[in-house]
N, C-alpha and C. Protein backbone atom coordinates (compact mmCIF):
# COMPACT_ATOMS: atom_id res chain seq x y z
N MET A 1 163.26 151.68 38.21
CA MET A 1 162.43 150.61 38.74
C MET A 1 160.96 150.82 38.34
N LEU A 2 160.49 152.07 38.43
CA LEU A 2 159.10 152.35 38.07
C LEU A 2 158.86 152.12 36.58
N ASP A 3 159.86 152.40 35.75
CA ASP A 3 159.73 152.12 34.32
C ASP A 3 159.58 150.62 34.07
N GLU A 4 160.30 149.83 34.88
CA GLU A 4 160.22 148.38 34.75
C GLU A 4 158.84 147.88 35.18
N VAL A 5 158.31 148.46 36.27
CA VAL A 5 156.96 148.10 36.72
C VAL A 5 155.93 148.44 35.65
N HIS A 6 156.06 149.63 35.07
CA HIS A 6 155.13 150.06 34.01
C HIS A 6 155.21 149.12 32.81
N ARG A 7 156.42 148.75 32.42
CA ARG A 7 156.60 147.85 31.28
C ARG A 7 155.95 146.50 31.55
N HIS A 8 156.15 145.99 32.78
CA HIS A 8 155.59 144.69 33.14
C HIS A 8 154.05 144.75 33.14
N CYS A 9 153.50 145.82 33.71
CA CYS A 9 152.03 145.96 33.76
C CYS A 9 151.44 146.06 32.35
N LYS A 10 152.12 146.80 31.49
CA LYS A 10 151.63 146.97 30.12
C LYS A 10 151.69 145.64 29.35
N MET A 11 152.76 144.90 29.57
CA MET A 11 152.92 143.63 28.87
C MET A 11 151.85 142.62 29.27
N TRP A 12 151.52 142.59 30.59
CA TRP A 12 150.55 141.62 31.09
C TRP A 12 149.16 142.22 31.30
N ARG A 13 148.97 143.45 30.82
CA ARG A 13 147.67 144.13 30.89
C ARG A 13 147.15 144.20 32.33
N VAL A 14 148.05 144.61 33.20
CA VAL A 14 147.71 144.78 34.61
C VAL A 14 147.56 146.26 34.91
N GLU A 15 146.53 146.62 35.66
CA GLU A 15 146.31 148.02 36.01
C GLU A 15 146.56 148.22 37.50
N LEU A 16 147.43 149.15 37.86
CA LEU A 16 147.73 149.43 39.26
C LEU A 16 146.57 150.18 39.91
N ASN A 17 146.35 149.86 41.20
CA ASN A 17 145.35 150.56 42.00
C ASN A 17 145.99 151.82 42.57
N GLN A 18 145.59 152.99 42.08
CA GLN A 18 146.22 154.24 42.50
C GLN A 18 146.02 154.50 43.98
N LYS A 19 144.88 154.08 44.56
CA LYS A 19 144.62 154.32 45.98
C LYS A 19 145.58 153.51 46.87
N LYS A 20 146.06 152.40 46.36
CA LYS A 20 146.95 151.54 47.15
C LYS A 20 148.41 151.70 46.75
N THR A 21 148.70 152.59 45.83
CA THR A 21 150.07 152.80 45.38
C THR A 21 150.56 154.15 45.91
N LYS A 22 151.43 154.10 46.90
CA LYS A 22 151.94 155.31 47.55
C LYS A 22 153.45 155.22 47.70
N VAL A 23 154.05 156.36 48.02
CA VAL A 23 155.48 156.39 48.30
C VAL A 23 155.68 157.05 49.66
N VAL A 24 156.58 156.47 50.47
CA VAL A 24 156.93 157.04 51.77
C VAL A 24 158.42 157.37 51.75
N VAL A 25 158.74 158.62 52.04
CA VAL A 25 160.14 159.05 52.09
C VAL A 25 160.56 159.04 53.55
N PHE A 26 161.38 158.09 53.93
CA PHE A 26 161.74 157.92 55.33
C PHE A 26 162.74 159.00 55.78
N GLY A 27 162.49 159.50 57.00
CA GLY A 27 163.40 160.47 57.61
C GLY A 27 163.09 161.91 57.28
N LYS A 28 162.37 162.16 56.19
CA LYS A 28 162.09 163.54 55.81
C LYS A 28 160.87 164.05 56.56
N ARG A 29 160.93 165.29 57.02
CA ARG A 29 159.80 165.89 57.72
C ARG A 29 158.74 166.33 56.72
N GLY A 30 157.49 166.17 57.14
CA GLY A 30 156.39 166.64 56.30
C GLY A 30 156.15 165.76 55.09
N VAL A 31 155.08 166.06 54.36
CA VAL A 31 154.72 165.32 53.16
C VAL A 31 154.64 166.30 52.00
N GLY A 32 155.16 165.91 50.88
CA GLY A 32 155.14 166.78 49.70
C GLY A 32 156.53 166.98 49.16
N GLY A 33 156.59 167.41 47.95
CA GLY A 33 157.89 167.67 47.34
C GLY A 33 158.45 166.50 46.57
N VAL A 34 157.80 165.33 46.64
CA VAL A 34 158.24 164.16 45.89
C VAL A 34 157.24 163.91 44.77
N SER A 35 157.73 163.85 43.56
CA SER A 35 156.86 163.64 42.40
C SER A 35 157.34 162.42 41.63
N LEU A 36 156.55 161.36 41.68
CA LEU A 36 156.88 160.12 40.97
C LEU A 36 155.71 159.72 40.09
N ARG A 37 156.03 159.04 39.00
CA ARG A 37 155.00 158.56 38.09
C ARG A 37 155.35 157.14 37.65
N CYS A 38 154.31 156.36 37.45
CA CYS A 38 154.46 155.03 36.87
C CYS A 38 153.64 155.05 35.58
N GLY A 39 154.30 155.29 34.48
CA GLY A 39 153.58 155.52 33.24
C GLY A 39 152.84 156.84 33.32
N ASP A 40 151.53 156.78 33.10
CA ASP A 40 150.71 158.00 33.16
C ASP A 40 150.13 158.24 34.56
N MET A 41 150.36 157.32 35.48
CA MET A 41 149.75 157.41 36.81
C MET A 41 150.69 158.12 37.79
N ALA A 42 150.17 159.18 38.43
CA ALA A 42 150.94 159.88 39.47
C ALA A 42 150.88 159.08 40.77
N ILE A 43 152.00 159.01 41.48
CA ILE A 43 152.07 158.29 42.76
C ILE A 43 152.19 159.31 43.87
N ASP A 44 151.22 159.32 44.76
CA ASP A 44 151.19 160.30 45.85
C ASP A 44 152.12 159.90 46.97
N GLU A 45 152.66 160.91 47.66
CA GLU A 45 153.48 160.68 48.84
C GLU A 45 152.58 160.58 50.07
N ALA A 46 152.91 159.67 50.98
CA ALA A 46 152.12 159.48 52.19
C ALA A 46 153.03 159.50 53.41
N ALA A 47 152.44 159.82 54.57
CA ALA A 47 153.22 159.85 55.82
C ALA A 47 153.44 158.44 56.36
N GLU A 48 152.56 157.52 56.00
CA GLU A 48 152.70 156.12 56.42
C GLU A 48 152.00 155.22 55.43
N TYR A 49 152.36 153.94 55.47
CA TYR A 49 151.76 152.99 54.55
C TYR A 49 151.75 151.62 55.21
N ILE A 50 150.65 150.90 55.05
CA ILE A 50 150.53 149.56 55.63
C ILE A 50 150.76 148.54 54.52
N TYR A 51 151.74 147.68 54.73
CA TYR A 51 152.05 146.65 53.75
C TYR A 51 152.26 145.33 54.49
N LEU A 52 151.48 144.32 54.12
CA LEU A 52 151.55 143.00 54.76
C LEU A 52 151.43 143.11 56.29
N GLY A 53 150.57 144.03 56.74
CA GLY A 53 150.33 144.18 58.17
C GLY A 53 151.33 145.03 58.90
N LEU A 54 152.40 145.47 58.23
CA LEU A 54 153.40 146.33 58.85
C LEU A 54 153.10 147.79 58.55
N ILE A 55 153.17 148.63 59.56
CA ILE A 55 152.93 150.07 59.38
C ILE A 55 154.28 150.75 59.17
N PHE A 56 154.53 151.16 57.94
CA PHE A 56 155.77 151.87 57.60
C PHE A 56 155.53 153.36 57.81
N GLU A 57 156.26 153.95 58.76
CA GLU A 57 156.14 155.38 59.04
C GLU A 57 157.39 156.12 58.57
N LYS A 58 157.23 157.42 58.34
CA LYS A 58 158.34 158.23 57.86
C LYS A 58 159.50 158.26 58.85
N ARG A 59 159.17 158.29 60.14
CA ARG A 59 160.23 158.54 61.13
C ARG A 59 160.25 157.51 62.25
N GLY A 60 160.04 156.24 61.89
CA GLY A 60 160.17 155.21 62.91
C GLY A 60 159.08 154.16 62.84
N TRP A 61 159.01 153.36 63.91
CA TRP A 61 158.09 152.23 63.96
C TRP A 61 157.17 152.29 65.17
N LYS A 62 156.91 153.48 65.69
CA LYS A 62 156.14 153.61 66.92
C LYS A 62 154.77 152.96 66.81
N LYS A 63 154.01 153.28 65.77
CA LYS A 63 152.66 152.72 65.62
C LYS A 63 152.70 151.21 65.46
N GLN A 64 153.68 150.71 64.72
CA GLN A 64 153.79 149.26 64.53
C GLN A 64 154.11 148.56 65.84
N ARG A 65 155.02 149.12 66.65
CA ARG A 65 155.35 148.51 67.94
C ARG A 65 154.14 148.51 68.86
N GLU A 66 153.38 149.61 68.88
CA GLU A 66 152.18 149.68 69.72
C GLU A 66 151.15 148.64 69.28
N LYS A 67 150.99 148.47 67.99
CA LYS A 67 150.07 147.47 67.45
C LYS A 67 150.50 146.06 67.85
N MET A 68 151.78 145.78 67.71
CA MET A 68 152.30 144.45 68.06
C MET A 68 152.11 144.16 69.54
N LEU A 69 152.34 145.16 70.38
CA LEU A 69 152.19 144.98 71.82
C LEU A 69 150.74 144.71 72.19
N ARG A 70 149.81 145.44 71.56
CA ARG A 70 148.38 145.22 71.82
C ARG A 70 147.96 143.80 71.45
N THR A 71 148.33 143.37 70.26
CA THR A 71 147.92 142.04 69.81
C THR A 71 148.58 140.94 70.64
N ALA A 72 149.83 141.17 71.05
CA ALA A 72 150.53 140.17 71.87
C ALA A 72 149.89 140.06 73.25
N ARG A 73 149.52 141.19 73.84
CA ARG A 73 148.85 141.15 75.15
C ARG A 73 147.50 140.46 75.06
N ARG A 74 146.76 140.74 73.99
CA ARG A 74 145.46 140.09 73.80
C ARG A 74 145.65 138.58 73.62
N ALA A 75 146.66 138.20 72.83
CA ALA A 75 146.94 136.78 72.63
C ALA A 75 147.38 136.10 73.92
N ALA A 76 148.16 136.83 74.75
CA ALA A 76 148.60 136.27 76.03
C ALA A 76 147.43 136.01 76.95
N ALA A 77 146.45 136.92 76.97
CA ALA A 77 145.26 136.73 77.81
C ALA A 77 144.46 135.52 77.35
N ILE A 78 144.30 135.38 76.03
CA ILE A 78 143.57 134.23 75.48
C ILE A 78 144.30 132.93 75.78
N ALA A 79 145.63 132.95 75.59
CA ALA A 79 146.43 131.75 75.83
C ALA A 79 146.37 131.33 77.29
N TRP A 80 146.43 132.31 78.22
CA TRP A 80 146.36 131.97 79.63
C TRP A 80 144.99 131.42 79.99
N GLY A 81 143.95 131.93 79.33
CA GLY A 81 142.61 131.37 79.54
C GLY A 81 142.55 129.92 79.13
N MET A 82 143.23 129.56 78.05
CA MET A 82 143.30 128.16 77.61
C MET A 82 144.00 127.31 78.65
N VAL A 83 145.11 127.84 79.19
CA VAL A 83 145.88 127.09 80.19
C VAL A 83 145.02 126.82 81.43
N VAL A 84 144.31 127.83 81.90
CA VAL A 84 143.46 127.69 83.08
C VAL A 84 142.34 126.70 82.81
N GLN A 85 141.74 126.76 81.63
CA GLN A 85 140.62 125.89 81.30
C GLN A 85 141.05 124.43 81.23
N VAL A 86 142.21 124.19 80.63
CA VAL A 86 142.71 122.81 80.52
C VAL A 86 143.11 122.28 81.89
N GLY A 87 143.86 123.07 82.64
CA GLY A 87 144.29 122.68 83.99
C GLY A 87 145.37 121.60 83.97
N GLY A 88 146.25 121.66 84.93
CA GLY A 88 147.28 120.64 85.09
C GLY A 88 148.31 120.59 83.97
N MET A 89 148.46 121.66 83.22
CA MET A 89 149.40 121.67 82.10
C MET A 89 150.83 121.82 82.62
N THR A 90 151.75 121.14 81.98
CA THR A 90 153.15 121.21 82.38
C THR A 90 153.75 122.56 81.99
N THR A 91 154.89 122.86 82.60
CA THR A 91 155.60 124.10 82.27
C THR A 91 155.98 124.12 80.80
N LYS A 92 156.43 122.97 80.28
CA LYS A 92 156.82 122.90 78.88
C LYS A 92 155.61 123.15 77.97
N GLY A 93 154.46 122.60 78.36
CA GLY A 93 153.25 122.82 77.57
C GLY A 93 152.86 124.29 77.53
N LYS A 94 152.94 124.95 78.69
CA LYS A 94 152.63 126.38 78.74
C LYS A 94 153.61 127.19 77.89
N SER A 95 154.88 126.80 77.96
CA SER A 95 155.90 127.50 77.17
C SER A 95 155.64 127.32 75.68
N ASN A 96 155.23 126.13 75.29
CA ASN A 96 154.93 125.87 73.87
C ASN A 96 153.75 126.72 73.39
N ILE A 97 152.76 126.90 74.25
CA ILE A 97 151.61 127.74 73.89
C ILE A 97 152.07 129.18 73.68
N TYR A 98 152.93 129.66 74.57
CA TYR A 98 153.46 131.03 74.40
C TYR A 98 154.22 131.15 73.09
N ASN A 99 155.09 130.19 72.81
CA ASN A 99 155.89 130.24 71.59
C ASN A 99 155.02 130.21 70.33
N ALA A 100 153.89 129.51 70.41
CA ALA A 100 153.03 129.36 69.23
C ALA A 100 152.03 130.49 69.06
N LEU A 101 151.52 131.04 70.17
CA LEU A 101 150.40 131.98 70.08
C LEU A 101 150.74 133.43 70.43
N VAL A 102 151.79 133.64 71.19
CA VAL A 102 152.09 135.00 71.65
C VAL A 102 153.36 135.56 71.00
N ARG A 103 154.44 134.82 71.07
CA ARG A 103 155.72 135.32 70.57
C ARG A 103 155.69 135.76 69.11
N PRO A 104 154.96 135.05 68.22
CA PRO A 104 154.92 135.52 66.82
C PRO A 104 154.44 136.96 66.67
N HIS A 105 153.55 137.41 67.57
CA HIS A 105 153.08 138.80 67.50
C HIS A 105 154.20 139.79 67.85
N LEU A 106 155.13 139.35 68.68
CA LEU A 106 156.24 140.22 69.09
C LEU A 106 157.39 140.20 68.10
N GLU A 107 157.37 139.23 67.18
CA GLU A 107 158.50 139.07 66.26
C GLU A 107 158.13 139.32 64.80
N TYR A 108 156.88 139.65 64.54
CA TYR A 108 156.47 139.85 63.15
C TYR A 108 157.25 141.01 62.53
N GLY A 109 157.90 140.76 61.42
CA GLY A 109 158.69 141.79 60.75
C GLY A 109 160.00 142.11 61.43
N ALA A 110 160.43 141.23 62.36
CA ALA A 110 161.66 141.52 63.12
C ALA A 110 162.89 141.64 62.22
N GLU A 111 162.84 141.04 61.03
CA GLU A 111 163.99 141.09 60.13
C GLU A 111 164.30 142.51 59.68
N ILE A 112 163.29 143.38 59.66
CA ILE A 112 163.52 144.75 59.19
C ILE A 112 163.18 145.80 60.23
N LEU A 113 162.39 145.43 61.22
CA LEU A 113 161.90 146.41 62.19
C LEU A 113 162.95 146.69 63.26
N ALA A 114 163.15 147.96 63.54
CA ALA A 114 164.08 148.37 64.60
C ALA A 114 163.41 149.44 65.44
N THR A 115 164.07 149.88 66.49
CA THR A 115 163.56 150.93 67.36
C THR A 115 164.61 152.01 67.50
N GLU A 116 164.28 153.04 68.27
CA GLU A 116 165.26 154.09 68.49
C GLU A 116 166.45 153.57 69.30
N HIS A 117 166.30 152.39 69.90
CA HIS A 117 167.39 151.78 70.67
C HIS A 117 168.00 150.61 69.90
N GLY A 118 167.92 150.63 68.58
CA GLY A 118 168.45 149.55 67.78
C GLY A 118 167.51 148.35 67.79
N LEU A 119 168.02 147.19 68.18
CA LEU A 119 167.21 145.97 68.20
C LEU A 119 166.50 145.78 69.54
N GLY A 120 166.80 146.61 70.51
CA GLY A 120 166.16 146.48 71.82
C GLY A 120 164.73 146.97 71.81
N TRP A 121 163.89 146.34 72.64
CA TRP A 121 162.48 146.73 72.75
C TRP A 121 162.01 146.34 74.14
N GLU A 122 162.17 147.25 75.10
CA GLU A 122 161.96 146.94 76.50
C GLU A 122 160.52 146.53 76.79
N GLU A 123 159.53 147.19 76.16
CA GLU A 123 158.13 146.83 76.42
C GLU A 123 157.85 145.38 76.02
N GLY A 124 158.41 144.96 74.89
CA GLY A 124 158.24 143.57 74.47
C GLY A 124 158.93 142.61 75.42
N GLU A 125 160.14 142.97 75.86
CA GLU A 125 160.88 142.13 76.81
C GLU A 125 160.11 141.99 78.12
N GLU A 126 159.51 143.11 78.59
CA GLU A 126 158.74 143.08 79.83
C GLU A 126 157.54 142.14 79.71
N LEU A 127 156.87 142.17 78.56
CA LEU A 127 155.72 141.27 78.37
C LEU A 127 156.16 139.82 78.39
N GLN A 128 157.27 139.52 77.71
CA GLN A 128 157.76 138.14 77.70
C GLN A 128 158.13 137.68 79.10
N ARG A 129 158.80 138.55 79.86
CA ARG A 129 159.18 138.17 81.23
C ARG A 129 157.95 137.99 82.11
N TRP A 130 156.92 138.83 81.92
CA TRP A 130 155.68 138.70 82.70
C TRP A 130 155.01 137.37 82.42
N VAL A 131 154.95 136.99 81.14
CA VAL A 131 154.37 135.69 80.79
C VAL A 131 155.19 134.56 81.40
N GLY A 132 156.52 134.70 81.33
CA GLY A 132 157.39 133.66 81.88
C GLY A 132 157.19 133.45 83.37
N LYS A 133 157.02 134.52 84.11
CA LYS A 133 156.81 134.41 85.56
C LYS A 133 155.46 133.77 85.87
N ARG A 134 154.46 134.04 85.04
CA ARG A 134 153.16 133.38 85.24
C ARG A 134 153.26 131.89 84.95
N ILE A 135 154.01 131.54 83.93
CA ILE A 135 154.20 130.12 83.60
C ILE A 135 154.88 129.39 84.75
N LEU A 136 155.90 130.04 85.32
CA LEU A 136 156.65 129.42 86.42
C LEU A 136 155.92 129.51 87.75
N GLY A 137 154.92 130.38 87.82
CA GLY A 137 154.21 130.57 89.08
C GLY A 137 155.06 131.24 90.12
N SER A 138 155.97 132.10 89.67
CA SER A 138 156.91 132.75 90.59
C SER A 138 156.42 134.16 90.92
N GLY A 139 157.08 134.77 91.88
CA GLY A 139 156.77 136.15 92.23
C GLY A 139 157.39 137.12 91.24
N LYS A 140 156.95 138.36 91.30
CA LYS A 140 157.43 139.36 90.34
C LYS A 140 158.87 139.77 90.58
N HIS A 141 159.43 139.38 91.74
CA HIS A 141 160.80 139.78 92.06
C HIS A 141 161.83 138.76 91.59
N LEU A 142 161.40 137.69 90.96
CA LEU A 142 162.34 136.70 90.43
C LEU A 142 163.20 137.36 89.35
N ALA A 143 164.50 137.09 89.41
CA ALA A 143 165.43 137.72 88.46
C ALA A 143 165.05 137.36 87.02
N ASN A 144 165.17 138.34 86.15
CA ASN A 144 164.84 138.11 84.74
C ASN A 144 165.68 137.01 84.12
N GLU A 145 166.95 136.96 84.49
CA GLU A 145 167.84 135.93 83.95
C GLU A 145 167.39 134.54 84.39
N ALA A 146 166.84 134.44 85.60
CA ALA A 146 166.36 133.15 86.10
C ALA A 146 165.14 132.69 85.30
N VAL A 147 164.26 133.63 84.95
CA VAL A 147 163.08 133.29 84.17
C VAL A 147 163.49 132.72 82.81
N GLN A 148 164.38 133.42 82.11
CA GLN A 148 164.82 132.96 80.80
C GLN A 148 165.58 131.65 80.90
N GLY A 149 166.38 131.51 81.95
CA GLY A 149 167.15 130.27 82.12
C GLY A 149 166.26 129.07 82.39
N GLU A 150 165.28 129.23 83.28
CA GLU A 150 164.38 128.12 83.62
C GLU A 150 163.57 127.65 82.42
N LEU A 151 163.15 128.59 81.57
CA LEU A 151 162.30 128.25 80.43
C LEU A 151 163.10 128.00 79.15
N GLY A 152 164.38 128.30 79.18
CA GLY A 152 165.20 128.10 77.99
C GLY A 152 164.89 129.10 76.89
N TRP A 153 164.46 130.31 77.30
CA TRP A 153 164.10 131.34 76.33
C TRP A 153 165.27 132.28 76.06
N MET A 154 165.37 132.73 74.83
CA MET A 154 166.28 133.83 74.50
C MET A 154 165.55 135.14 74.72
N SER A 155 166.29 136.20 74.89
CA SER A 155 165.65 137.51 74.92
C SER A 155 165.10 137.81 73.53
N LEU A 156 164.13 138.72 73.45
CA LEU A 156 163.60 139.09 72.15
C LEU A 156 164.69 139.73 71.28
N ARG A 157 165.58 140.47 71.93
CA ARG A 157 166.68 141.08 71.17
C ARG A 157 167.56 140.00 70.54
N GLY A 158 167.87 138.96 71.32
CA GLY A 158 168.68 137.87 70.79
C GLY A 158 168.01 137.17 69.61
N ARG A 159 166.70 136.97 69.73
CA ARG A 159 165.97 136.32 68.64
C ARG A 159 165.90 137.23 67.41
N ARG A 160 165.81 138.55 67.63
CA ARG A 160 165.79 139.47 66.48
C ARG A 160 167.11 139.39 65.73
N VAL A 161 168.21 139.33 66.47
CA VAL A 161 169.51 139.20 65.82
C VAL A 161 169.56 137.91 65.00
N MET A 162 169.08 136.81 65.58
CA MET A 162 169.09 135.52 64.90
C MET A 162 168.22 135.55 63.65
N LEU A 163 167.02 136.15 63.75
CA LEU A 163 166.11 136.22 62.61
C LEU A 163 166.70 137.09 61.50
N ARG A 164 167.37 138.17 61.87
CA ARG A 164 167.99 139.04 60.87
C ARG A 164 169.12 138.32 60.14
N LEU A 165 169.94 137.61 60.89
CA LEU A 165 171.03 136.87 60.26
C LEU A 165 170.49 135.80 59.32
N SER A 166 169.42 135.13 59.73
CA SER A 166 168.80 134.11 58.89
C SER A 166 168.27 134.72 57.59
N PHE A 167 167.59 135.88 57.72
CA PHE A 167 167.04 136.55 56.54
C PHE A 167 168.17 137.04 55.62
N TRP A 168 169.23 137.55 56.23
CA TRP A 168 170.39 138.01 55.45
C TRP A 168 170.96 136.86 54.63
N GLY A 169 171.05 135.69 55.24
CA GLY A 169 171.54 134.52 54.52
C GLY A 169 170.64 134.17 53.34
N LYS A 170 169.32 134.29 53.53
CA LYS A 170 168.39 134.01 52.43
C LYS A 170 168.57 135.00 51.28
N VAL A 171 168.77 136.28 51.63
CA VAL A 171 168.97 137.31 50.59
C VAL A 171 170.23 137.01 49.80
N LEU A 172 171.32 136.65 50.49
CA LEU A 172 172.58 136.38 49.82
C LEU A 172 172.51 135.15 48.92
N ASN A 173 171.60 134.23 49.22
CA ASN A 173 171.44 133.02 48.42
C ASN A 173 170.41 133.17 47.30
N MET A 174 169.77 134.34 47.23
CA MET A 174 168.80 134.57 46.15
C MET A 174 169.52 134.76 44.82
N GLU A 175 168.82 134.47 43.74
CA GLU A 175 169.38 134.74 42.42
C GLU A 175 169.55 136.25 42.24
N LYS A 176 170.59 136.65 41.53
CA LYS A 176 170.95 138.06 41.45
C LYS A 176 169.91 138.91 40.74
N GLN A 177 169.02 138.30 39.93
CA GLN A 177 168.01 139.11 39.25
C GLN A 177 166.78 139.37 40.10
N ARG A 178 166.68 138.69 41.26
CA ARG A 178 165.55 138.93 42.16
C ARG A 178 165.61 140.36 42.67
N TRP A 179 164.44 141.03 42.78
CA TRP A 179 164.41 142.43 43.18
C TRP A 179 164.93 142.63 44.60
N VAL A 180 164.62 141.71 45.49
CA VAL A 180 165.12 141.84 46.87
C VAL A 180 166.65 141.86 46.88
N ARG A 181 167.25 140.96 46.12
CA ARG A 181 168.71 140.91 46.04
C ARG A 181 169.27 142.16 45.37
N ARG A 182 168.61 142.65 44.33
CA ARG A 182 169.08 143.83 43.61
C ARG A 182 169.02 145.08 44.50
N VAL A 183 167.93 145.21 45.26
CA VAL A 183 167.81 146.36 46.17
C VAL A 183 168.87 146.27 47.26
N TYR A 184 169.09 145.06 47.78
CA TYR A 184 170.12 144.87 48.82
C TYR A 184 171.50 145.26 48.29
N GLU A 185 171.83 144.79 47.08
CA GLU A 185 173.15 145.08 46.52
C GLU A 185 173.33 146.57 46.27
N ALA A 186 172.26 147.24 45.78
CA ALA A 186 172.34 148.68 45.53
C ALA A 186 172.53 149.45 46.83
N SER A 187 171.79 149.05 47.87
CA SER A 187 171.90 149.71 49.17
C SER A 187 173.28 149.47 49.78
N ARG A 188 173.76 148.25 49.67
CA ARG A 188 175.07 147.90 50.22
C ARG A 188 176.18 148.68 49.52
N ALA A 189 176.09 148.77 48.19
CA ALA A 189 177.11 149.51 47.44
C ALA A 189 177.12 150.98 47.83
N LYS A 190 175.93 151.52 48.06
CA LYS A 190 175.83 152.94 48.43
C LYS A 190 176.45 153.19 49.80
N HIS A 191 176.10 152.35 50.80
CA HIS A 191 176.55 152.60 52.16
C HIS A 191 178.00 152.17 52.37
N VAL A 192 178.38 151.03 51.82
CA VAL A 192 179.76 150.58 51.97
C VAL A 192 180.68 151.50 51.22
N GLY A 193 180.26 151.93 50.01
CA GLY A 193 181.06 152.86 49.23
C GLY A 193 181.24 154.17 49.95
N GLY A 194 180.16 154.65 50.60
CA GLY A 194 180.24 155.90 51.36
C GLY A 194 181.17 155.78 52.54
N ALA A 195 181.13 154.61 53.22
CA ALA A 195 182.00 154.39 54.37
C ALA A 195 183.47 154.37 53.94
N LYS A 196 183.75 153.75 52.76
CA LYS A 196 185.14 153.70 52.29
C LYS A 196 185.63 155.08 51.94
N ALA A 197 184.71 155.86 51.33
CA ALA A 197 185.11 157.23 50.95
C ALA A 197 185.45 158.05 52.18
N ILE A 198 184.65 157.89 53.23
CA ILE A 198 184.92 158.62 54.48
C ILE A 198 186.25 158.18 55.08
N GLY A 199 186.50 156.84 55.01
CA GLY A 199 187.73 156.32 55.56
C GLY A 199 188.95 156.85 54.82
N ARG A 200 188.84 156.99 53.49
CA ARG A 200 189.96 157.51 52.73
C ARG A 200 190.18 158.99 52.99
N ALA A 201 189.08 159.72 53.26
CA ALA A 201 189.21 161.15 53.53
C ALA A 201 189.95 161.36 54.83
């Protein structure tokens, strides 16, 4: 893949920014021991890397989840200030503001982001339920299921599953020469092949 990148850059006279070109080896402890080159340029290994606003860490998504929670809470405070300032807003109107201004912060990168509990993220769920109870004007003891039912909201976990399935469908419909599709097929062949081998053993 790096040879292909080098060939493309050479053909179009593009120069890579070495400071922004890093490699992260997921799951491995420590940094070092990985030596990659793109043409004559050495690519350094890093413990984390920020790409399109997502913080990719070697051993999880802790920093990214904390960042998402901070921005979502800040957006929720701003959104509630708008609701108070306007006054007399309907429940549906308040729900629409949440869906437009707050929820996107909790779902950014959901297609690939996971936690140590799989797709579950209790802190995010708690924030959504807290916003829902404020919208309904209910007490904190109202059942969580009642909040979601009254507002017609799915849990964040349910929406993550839906977003992942949607993205998976897009990948499968991509042309086979697209890099996203090629990486998916290579990863699938590796893991499915390994599972079959284990099953035969």
